[in-house]
Protein backbone atom coordinates (compact mmCIF):
# COMPACT_ATOMS: atom_id res chain seq x y z
CA MET A 1 -0.04 -0.25 -0.12
CA LEU A 2 0.85 3.65 -0.38
CA LYS A 3 1.26 5.92 1.94
CA ALA A 4 0.13 9.57 0.75
CA TYR A 5 2.31 12.46 1.75
CA ARG A 6 0.03 15.71 2.57
CA THR A 7 0.77 19.29 1.63
CA PRO A 8 0.08 22.22 3.89
CA LYS A 9 -3.30 22.11 2.73
CA ASP A 10 -3.45 18.54 3.43
CA ARG A 11 -3.40 17.08 -0.54
CA ARG A 12 -2.13 14.16 -0.98
CA TYR A 13 0.88 13.02 -2.93
CA TYR A 14 3.37 10.16 -3.84
CA THR A 15 6.63 10.41 -4.72
CA ASP A 16 8.84 8.40 -7.85
CA GLU A 17 10.40 6.86 -5.16
CA GLN A 18 7.80 5.35 -3.64
CA TYR A 19 6.08 3.96 -6.87
CA PHE A 20 8.92 2.16 -7.80
CA LYS A 21 9.76 0.66 -4.03
CA TYR A 22 6.29 -0.59 -4.42
CA THR A 23 6.32 -2.24 -7.40
CA GLY A 24 9.74 -3.74 -7.16
CA GLN A 25 10.87 -1.62 -10.44
CA GLN A 26 14.12 0.11 -11.04
CA ILE A 27 13.66 4.25 -10.92
CA GLN A 28 13.95 4.98 -14.35
CA LYS A 29 16.04 8.34 -15.13
CA ASN A 30 14.56 9.65 -18.49
CA GLY A 31 10.81 9.65 -18.44
CA LYS A 32 8.16 11.95 -18.39
CA THR A 33 6.28 14.01 -15.56
CA VAL A 34 2.89 13.57 -14.72
CA ILE A 35 -0.14 15.23 -12.65
CA TYR A 36 -2.86 12.67 -11.89
CA THR A 37 -6.41 14.03 -10.02
CA ARG A 38 -9.31 12.53 -9.16
CA MET A 39 -12.44 13.71 -7.46
CA SER A 40 -15.14 11.06 -6.54
CA THR A 41 -17.94 12.79 -8.34
CA ASN A 42 -19.08 15.11 -11.53
CA ASN A 43 -20.37 17.82 -9.51
CA GLN A 44 -16.82 18.64 -8.08
CA LYS A 45 -15.33 19.37 -11.95
CA ASP A 46 -14.90 22.75 -10.65
CA ASP A 47 -12.03 21.29 -7.42
CA LEU A 48 -10.59 18.96 -10.16
CA ASN A 49 -9.77 21.79 -12.75
CA ASN A 50 -8.31 23.85 -8.60
CA GLN A 51 -5.79 20.52 -8.31
CA ILE A 52 -4.96 20.93 -11.97
CA GLU A 53 -4.25 24.30 -12.00
CA PHE A 54 -2.61 23.87 -8.27
CA LEU A 55 -0.16 21.10 -9.72
CA LYS A 56 0.98 22.87 -13.02
CA GLN A 57 1.40 26.04 -10.91
CA TYR A 58 3.89 24.35 -8.49
CA ALA A 59 5.74 22.73 -11.16
CA ASN A 60 6.66 25.77 -13.06
CA THR A 61 7.76 27.35 -9.57
CA LYS A 62 10.20 24.43 -9.22
CA GLY A 63 10.88 24.15 -13.08
CA ILE A 64 9.34 21.39 -14.24
CA ILE A 65 7.99 20.99 -17.42
CA VAL A 66 4.99 18.66 -17.04
CA ASP A 67 3.95 15.81 -20.67
CA GLU A 68 0.84 15.12 -19.37
CA ILE A 69 -2.09 15.25 -17.50
CA PHE A 70 -4.53 12.28 -16.34
CA GLU A 71 -8.15 13.40 -14.81
CA ASP A 72 -10.49 11.13 -13.17
CA ILE A 73 -13.61 11.67 -11.84
CA GLY A 74 -15.03 7.86 -9.54
CA SER A 75 -14.51 6.27 -6.12
CA GLY A 76 -11.43 7.46 -4.12
CA LEU A 77 -11.92 3.81 -2.39
CA ASN A 78 -10.39 1.65 -5.09
CA TYR A 79 -8.50 0.79 -8.01
CA ASN A 80 -11.43 0.60 -11.15
CA ARG A 81 -10.37 3.92 -12.20
CA LYS A 82 -9.26 3.85 -15.90
CA LYS A 83 -7.01 7.33 -15.88
CA TRP A 84 -5.53 5.55 -13.30
CA ASN A 85 -4.48 2.19 -14.79
CA LEU A 86 -3.73 4.05 -17.99
CA LEU A 87 -1.18 6.15 -16.69
CA ILE A 88 0.25 2.84 -14.09
CA ASP A 89 0.57 1.10 -17.78
CA LYS A 90 2.76 3.70 -18.71
């Protein structure tokens, strides 16, 4: 199980080191920078957009270029998330 870190505003995030340790893979030196966001319902679409903008701004302040953005709207209680699974497969 991946343990989420929290930002000062209580947003969850994970590191690539956590992912690679969890999957037993070697850390990739060349890759893409991606943003993944998820909300539970369509009623939270504005919150989803706010997450994306926050993460893009954060990346920009760190000099990171975001290559791709993945968005899911659905339950966080399981891993039946289309874009999450696509991201993991990539």
